Amino acid sequence: MKILKAYAHSLLRREYTHPPLVYFRVLFLCFCTAFLMGPEQQLRMMFDSVRVYATVIYIGFVILALICALWIQSKILTLLAIICEICALIWYCLSYIPFARRIVSDLMVRFCDTEL
């Protein structure tokens, strides 16, 4: 128990050089889907004309989150970039479900009076 408290305390005081979750996210992004279908097929599907914008936005927010976490070291900017990254990933995943993006857009118009 003392070891866990000391580790949590060191995390709060930023005594580590690089956040471990950042490395995990990068490795997860690189290897998870490539393992399931192969890297070539995954890249071909990611940059399909239907998914190219969602892919570019998602990769951009991944890079922005890494820059905010490692270079700028701003917790608020990193959290904001991660939230936007998750939203972009959800939008990307919806492209694999037929008519899912349209349904979500219609729901956004109905509930928030805005359109994606």
N, C-alpha and C. Protein backbone atom coordinates (compact mmCIF):
# COMPACT_ATOMS: atom_id res chain seq x y z
N MET A 1 0.82 -1.19 0.00
CA MET A 1 0.00 0.00 0.00
C MET A 1 0.87 1.26 0.00
N LYS A 2 1.97 1.22 0.74
CA LYS A 2 2.86 2.37 0.78
C LYS A 2 3.50 2.62 -0.57
N ILE A 3 3.76 1.54 -1.31
CA ILE A 3 4.37 1.69 -2.63
C ILE A 3 3.41 2.38 -3.58
N LEU A 4 2.13 1.99 -3.53
CA LEU A 4 1.13 2.63 -4.39
C LEU A 4 0.95 4.10 -4.05
N LYS A 5 0.94 4.43 -2.77
CA LYS A 5 0.81 5.83 -2.38
C LYS A 5 2.02 6.64 -2.83
N ALA A 6 3.21 6.06 -2.70
CA ALA A 6 4.41 6.76 -3.14
C ALA A 6 4.41 6.96 -4.65
N TYR A 7 3.95 5.95 -5.38
CA TYR A 7 3.89 6.07 -6.84
C TYR A 7 2.87 7.14 -7.24
N ALA A 8 1.70 7.13 -6.62
CA ALA A 8 0.68 8.13 -6.93
C ALA A 8 1.18 9.53 -6.58
N HIS A 9 1.88 9.65 -5.46
CA HIS A 9 2.41 10.95 -5.07
C HIS A 9 3.47 11.42 -6.06
N SER A 10 4.32 10.52 -6.53
CA SER A 10 5.34 10.91 -7.50
C SER A 10 4.72 11.29 -8.83
N LEU A 11 3.60 10.65 -9.19
CA LEU A 11 2.91 11.02 -10.43
C LEU A 11 2.33 12.42 -10.33
N LEU A 12 1.80 12.76 -9.17
CA LEU A 12 1.23 14.08 -9.00
C LEU A 12 2.30 15.17 -8.98
N ARG A 13 3.48 14.84 -8.49
CA ARG A 13 4.55 15.83 -8.44
C ARG A 13 5.36 15.86 -9.73
N ARG A 14 5.02 15.01 -10.71
CA ARG A 14 5.69 14.94 -12.02
C ARG A 14 7.16 14.62 -11.86
N GLU A 15 7.48 13.58 -11.09
CA GLU A 15 8.85 13.15 -10.93
C GLU A 15 9.28 12.19 -12.04
N TYR A 16 8.39 11.89 -12.95
CA TYR A 16 8.73 11.00 -14.05
C TYR A 16 9.04 11.86 -15.27
N THR A 17 9.75 11.29 -16.23
CA THR A 17 10.14 12.08 -17.39
C THR A 17 9.09 12.07 -18.49
N HIS A 18 8.44 10.92 -18.71
CA HIS A 18 7.43 10.81 -19.76
C HIS A 18 6.21 10.08 -19.21
N PRO A 19 5.02 10.58 -19.51
CA PRO A 19 3.82 9.91 -19.02
C PRO A 19 3.67 8.52 -19.63
N PRO A 20 3.47 7.50 -18.82
CA PRO A 20 3.36 6.15 -19.35
C PRO A 20 2.13 5.94 -20.22
N LEU A 21 1.04 6.64 -19.96
CA LEU A 21 -0.15 6.47 -20.78
C LEU A 21 0.04 6.98 -22.20
N VAL A 22 0.89 7.97 -22.38
CA VAL A 22 1.14 8.49 -23.72
C VAL A 22 1.80 7.40 -24.57
N TYR A 23 2.78 6.71 -24.02
CA TYR A 23 3.44 5.65 -24.77
C TYR A 23 2.48 4.51 -25.05
N PHE A 24 1.62 4.19 -24.10
CA PHE A 24 0.66 3.12 -24.32
C PHE A 24 -0.29 3.48 -25.45
N ARG A 25 -0.75 4.71 -25.50
CA ARG A 25 -1.67 5.13 -26.57
C ARG A 25 -1.01 5.05 -27.93
N VAL A 26 0.25 5.43 -28.02
CA VAL A 26 0.95 5.37 -29.30
C VAL A 26 1.11 3.92 -29.74
N LEU A 27 1.52 3.06 -28.83
CA LEU A 27 1.68 1.64 -29.17
C LEU A 27 0.34 1.01 -29.53
N PHE A 28 -0.70 1.37 -28.81
CA PHE A 28 -2.02 0.83 -29.10
C PHE A 28 -2.47 1.25 -30.49
N LEU A 29 -2.26 2.48 -30.84
CA LEU A 29 -2.64 2.98 -32.15
C LEU A 29 -1.89 2.25 -33.26
N CYS A 30 -0.61 2.03 -33.05
CA CYS A 30 0.22 1.44 -34.10
C CYS A 30 -0.02 -0.05 -34.30
N PHE A 31 -0.25 -0.79 -33.23
CA PHE A 31 -0.23 -2.23 -33.33
C PHE A 31 -1.57 -2.94 -33.23
N CYS A 32 -2.56 -2.33 -32.63
CA CYS A 32 -3.82 -3.04 -32.37
C CYS A 32 -4.53 -3.42 -33.66
N THR A 33 -4.85 -2.44 -34.48
CA THR A 33 -5.60 -2.76 -35.70
C THR A 33 -4.71 -3.42 -36.74
N ALA A 34 -3.42 -3.11 -36.73
CA ALA A 34 -2.52 -3.76 -37.67
C ALA A 34 -2.43 -5.25 -37.38
N PHE A 35 -2.55 -5.64 -36.15
CA PHE A 35 -2.52 -7.05 -35.78
C PHE A 35 -3.75 -7.78 -36.30
N LEU A 36 -4.90 -7.13 -36.28
CA LEU A 36 -6.14 -7.79 -36.65
C LEU A 36 -6.27 -8.02 -38.15
N MET A 37 -5.87 -7.07 -38.97
CA MET A 37 -6.08 -7.23 -40.41
C MET A 37 -4.84 -6.98 -41.25
N GLY A 38 -3.75 -6.62 -40.64
CA GLY A 38 -2.53 -6.34 -41.38
C GLY A 38 -2.39 -4.85 -41.62
N PRO A 39 -1.18 -4.33 -41.57
CA PRO A 39 -0.99 -2.88 -41.69
C PRO A 39 -1.37 -2.32 -43.06
N GLU A 40 -1.10 -3.08 -44.11
CA GLU A 40 -1.40 -2.56 -45.45
C GLU A 40 -2.91 -2.41 -45.66
N GLN A 41 -3.67 -3.43 -45.29
CA GLN A 41 -5.12 -3.36 -45.42
C GLN A 41 -5.71 -2.27 -44.52
N GLN A 42 -5.18 -2.13 -43.32
CA GLN A 42 -5.68 -1.11 -42.40
C GLN A 42 -5.44 0.29 -42.97
N LEU A 43 -4.25 0.55 -43.48
CA LEU A 43 -3.97 1.87 -44.07
C LEU A 43 -4.84 2.13 -45.28
N ARG A 44 -5.06 1.12 -46.09
CA ARG A 44 -5.91 1.28 -47.26
C ARG A 44 -7.34 1.65 -46.83
N MET A 45 -7.84 1.00 -45.79
CA MET A 45 -9.19 1.31 -45.32
C MET A 45 -9.25 2.67 -44.62
N MET A 46 -8.19 3.03 -43.90
CA MET A 46 -8.18 4.32 -43.21
C MET A 46 -8.24 5.49 -44.17
N PHE A 47 -7.55 5.38 -45.29
CA PHE A 47 -7.49 6.48 -46.24
C PHE A 47 -8.45 6.30 -47.41
N ASP A 48 -9.50 5.51 -47.20
CA ASP A 48 -10.58 5.41 -48.15
C ASP A 48 -11.27 6.77 -48.24
N SER A 49 -11.91 7.04 -49.37
CA SER A 49 -12.50 8.37 -49.57
C SER A 49 -13.57 8.69 -48.53
N VAL A 50 -14.22 7.68 -47.97
CA VAL A 50 -15.25 7.92 -46.96
C VAL A 50 -14.63 8.32 -45.63
N ARG A 51 -13.43 7.79 -45.31
CA ARG A 51 -12.84 7.96 -43.99
C ARG A 51 -11.63 8.88 -43.95
N VAL A 52 -11.24 9.45 -45.05
CA VAL A 52 -9.98 10.19 -45.09
C VAL A 52 -10.00 11.41 -44.16
N TYR A 53 -11.09 12.15 -44.11
CA TYR A 53 -11.14 13.34 -43.26
C TYR A 53 -11.12 12.96 -41.78
N ALA A 54 -11.89 11.94 -41.41
CA ALA A 54 -11.90 11.49 -40.02
C ALA A 54 -10.53 10.96 -39.62
N THR A 55 -9.85 10.27 -40.54
CA THR A 55 -8.52 9.73 -40.25
C THR A 55 -7.51 10.85 -40.03
N VAL A 56 -7.52 11.83 -40.89
CA VAL A 56 -6.57 12.94 -40.77
C VAL A 56 -6.82 13.73 -39.49
N ILE A 57 -8.08 13.97 -39.16
CA ILE A 57 -8.40 14.70 -37.92
C ILE A 57 -7.97 13.89 -36.71
N TYR A 58 -8.22 12.58 -36.72
CA TYR A 58 -7.83 11.73 -35.59
C TYR A 58 -6.32 11.70 -35.42
N ILE A 59 -5.59 11.49 -36.49
CA ILE A 59 -4.12 11.46 -36.40
C ILE A 59 -3.59 12.82 -35.97
N GLY A 60 -4.21 13.89 -36.46
CA GLY A 60 -3.80 15.23 -36.05
C GLY A 60 -3.97 15.46 -34.55
N PHE A 61 -5.08 14.99 -33.99
CA PHE A 61 -5.29 15.15 -32.55
C PHE A 61 -4.39 14.23 -31.74
N VAL A 62 -4.05 13.06 -32.27
CA VAL A 62 -3.08 12.20 -31.57
C VAL A 62 -1.74 12.92 -31.47
N ILE A 63 -1.29 13.50 -32.58
CA ILE A 63 -0.02 14.23 -32.59
C ILE A 63 -0.11 15.45 -31.69
N LEU A 64 -1.23 16.16 -31.74
CA LEU A 64 -1.41 17.33 -30.87
C LEU A 64 -1.39 16.95 -29.40
N ALA A 65 -2.03 15.82 -29.05
CA ALA A 65 -2.02 15.37 -27.65
C ALA A 65 -0.60 15.02 -27.21
N LEU A 66 0.16 14.38 -28.08
CA LEU A 66 1.54 14.05 -27.74
C LEU A 66 2.39 15.31 -27.57
N ILE A 67 2.19 16.29 -28.43
CA ILE A 67 2.94 17.54 -28.32
C ILE A 67 2.57 18.27 -27.03
N CYS A 68 1.28 18.32 -26.72
CA CYS A 68 0.84 19.00 -25.50
C CYS A 68 1.34 18.29 -24.25
N ALA A 69 1.41 16.96 -24.30
CA ALA A 69 1.83 16.21 -23.12
C ALA A 69 3.34 16.21 -22.94
N LEU A 70 4.08 16.03 -24.02
CA LEU A 70 5.53 15.85 -23.90
C LEU A 70 6.32 17.14 -24.05
N TRP A 71 5.89 18.01 -24.94
CA TRP A 71 6.70 19.20 -25.22
C TRP A 71 6.19 20.40 -24.43
N ILE A 72 4.90 20.70 -24.56
CA ILE A 72 4.33 21.86 -23.86
C ILE A 72 4.10 21.55 -22.39
N GLN A 73 3.74 20.32 -22.09
CA GLN A 73 3.46 19.83 -20.73
C GLN A 73 2.33 20.61 -20.06
N SER A 74 1.26 20.78 -20.82
CA SER A 74 0.07 21.44 -20.30
C SER A 74 -1.02 20.39 -20.12
N LYS A 75 -1.48 20.23 -18.89
CA LYS A 75 -2.49 19.22 -18.60
C LYS A 75 -3.82 19.55 -19.25
N ILE A 76 -4.19 20.81 -19.23
CA ILE A 76 -5.49 21.22 -19.78
C ILE A 76 -5.52 21.05 -21.30
N LEU A 77 -4.47 21.48 -21.97
CA LEU A 77 -4.41 21.30 -23.43
C LEU A 77 -4.36 19.84 -23.81
N THR A 78 -3.64 19.04 -23.04
CA THR A 78 -3.57 17.61 -23.31
C THR A 78 -4.93 16.97 -23.14
N LEU A 79 -5.63 17.31 -22.08
CA LEU A 79 -6.96 16.76 -21.85
C LEU A 79 -7.93 17.17 -22.95
N LEU A 80 -7.87 18.42 -23.37
CA LEU A 80 -8.72 18.90 -24.45
C LEU A 80 -8.42 18.16 -25.75
N ALA A 81 -7.13 17.97 -26.05
CA ALA A 81 -6.74 17.24 -27.26
C ALA A 81 -7.20 15.79 -27.20
N ILE A 82 -7.13 15.17 -26.03
CA ILE A 82 -7.57 13.78 -25.89
C ILE A 82 -9.08 13.67 -26.07
N ILE A 83 -9.83 14.62 -25.53
CA ILE A 83 -11.28 14.60 -25.71
C ILE A 83 -11.64 14.75 -27.19
N CYS A 84 -10.98 15.67 -27.88
CA CYS A 84 -11.22 15.83 -29.32
C CYS A 84 -10.78 14.59 -30.10
N GLU A 85 -9.70 13.96 -29.65
CA GLU A 85 -9.22 12.73 -30.28
C GLU A 85 -10.25 11.61 -30.14
N ILE A 86 -10.84 11.48 -28.98
CA ILE A 86 -11.85 10.45 -28.76
C ILE A 86 -13.08 10.73 -29.62
N CYS A 87 -13.48 11.98 -29.73
CA CYS A 87 -14.62 12.33 -30.59
C CYS A 87 -14.32 12.01 -32.05
N ALA A 88 -13.10 12.30 -32.49
CA ALA A 88 -12.71 11.98 -33.86
C ALA A 88 -12.67 10.47 -34.09
N LEU A 89 -12.22 9.73 -33.09
CA LEU A 89 -12.18 8.27 -33.21
C LEU A 89 -13.59 7.69 -33.28
N ILE A 90 -14.51 8.24 -32.50
CA ILE A 90 -15.90 7.78 -32.57
C ILE A 90 -16.48 8.06 -33.94
N TRP A 91 -16.21 9.25 -34.48
CA TRP A 91 -16.71 9.60 -35.81
C TRP A 91 -16.10 8.70 -36.87
N TYR A 92 -14.82 8.36 -36.71
CA TYR A 92 -14.15 7.43 -37.62
C TYR A 92 -14.80 6.05 -37.53
N CYS A 93 -15.05 5.57 -36.34
CA CYS A 93 -15.65 4.24 -36.15
C CYS A 93 -17.07 4.18 -36.70
N LEU A 94 -17.78 5.29 -36.64
CA LEU A 94 -19.13 5.31 -37.19
C LEU A 94 -19.14 5.13 -38.70
N SER A 95 -18.04 5.39 -39.37
CA SER A 95 -18.00 5.23 -40.82
C SER A 95 -18.06 3.76 -41.23
N TYR A 96 -17.79 2.84 -40.31
CA TYR A 96 -17.88 1.42 -40.62
C TYR A 96 -19.29 0.88 -40.48
N ILE A 97 -20.17 1.61 -39.85
CA ILE A 97 -21.56 1.18 -39.65
C ILE A 97 -22.43 1.91 -40.67
N PRO A 98 -23.16 1.17 -41.49
CA PRO A 98 -23.98 1.82 -42.53
C PRO A 98 -24.97 2.83 -41.94
N PHE A 99 -24.98 4.01 -42.47
CA PHE A 99 -25.87 5.11 -42.10
C PHE A 99 -25.69 5.62 -40.67
N ALA A 100 -24.64 5.22 -39.98
CA ALA A 100 -24.45 5.65 -38.59
C ALA A 100 -24.12 7.14 -38.51
N ARG A 101 -23.28 7.62 -39.41
CA ARG A 101 -22.95 9.05 -39.39
C ARG A 101 -24.18 9.91 -39.66
N ARG A 102 -25.01 9.46 -40.58
CA ARG A 102 -26.21 10.23 -40.89
C ARG A 102 -27.16 10.26 -39.70
N ILE A 103 -27.30 9.14 -39.01
CA ILE A 103 -28.17 9.08 -37.84
C ILE A 103 -27.65 10.01 -36.74
N VAL A 104 -26.35 9.97 -36.51
CA VAL A 104 -25.77 10.84 -35.48
C VAL A 104 -25.92 12.31 -35.88
N SER A 105 -25.72 12.62 -37.15
CA SER A 105 -25.91 14.00 -37.61
C SER A 105 -27.36 14.44 -37.42
N ASP A 106 -28.30 13.56 -37.75
CA ASP A 106 -29.71 13.90 -37.55
C ASP A 106 -30.04 14.10 -36.07
N LEU A 107 -29.46 13.27 -35.20
CA LEU A 107 -29.68 13.45 -33.77
C LEU A 107 -29.07 14.75 -33.26
N MET A 108 -27.91 15.11 -33.78
CA MET A 108 -27.28 16.38 -33.38
C MET A 108 -28.14 17.57 -33.81
N VAL A 109 -28.72 17.49 -35.00
CA VAL A 109 -29.59 18.56 -35.46
C VAL A 109 -30.82 18.64 -34.57
N ARG A 110 -31.37 17.49 -34.22
CA ARG A 110 -32.59 17.48 -33.43
C ARG A 110 -32.36 17.96 -31.99
N PHE A 111 -31.28 17.47 -31.36
CA PHE A 111 -31.08 17.77 -29.94
C PHE A 111 -30.26 19.04 -29.69
N CYS A 112 -29.31 19.32 -30.53
CA CYS A 112 -28.42 20.46 -30.27
C CYS A 112 -28.61 21.60 -31.25
N ASP A 113 -29.49 21.43 -32.22
CA ASP A 113 -29.73 22.44 -33.22
C ASP A 113 -28.44 22.81 -33.98
N THR A 114 -27.62 21.80 -34.26
CA THR A 114 -26.40 21.98 -35.02
C THR A 114 -26.18 20.73 -35.88
N GLU A 115 -25.35 20.85 -36.89
CA GLU A 115 -25.13 19.73 -37.79
C GLU A 115 -23.64 19.46 -37.92
N LEU A 116 -23.29 18.20 -37.96
CA LEU A 116 -21.89 17.80 -38.15
C LEU A 116 -21.63 17.53 -39.61
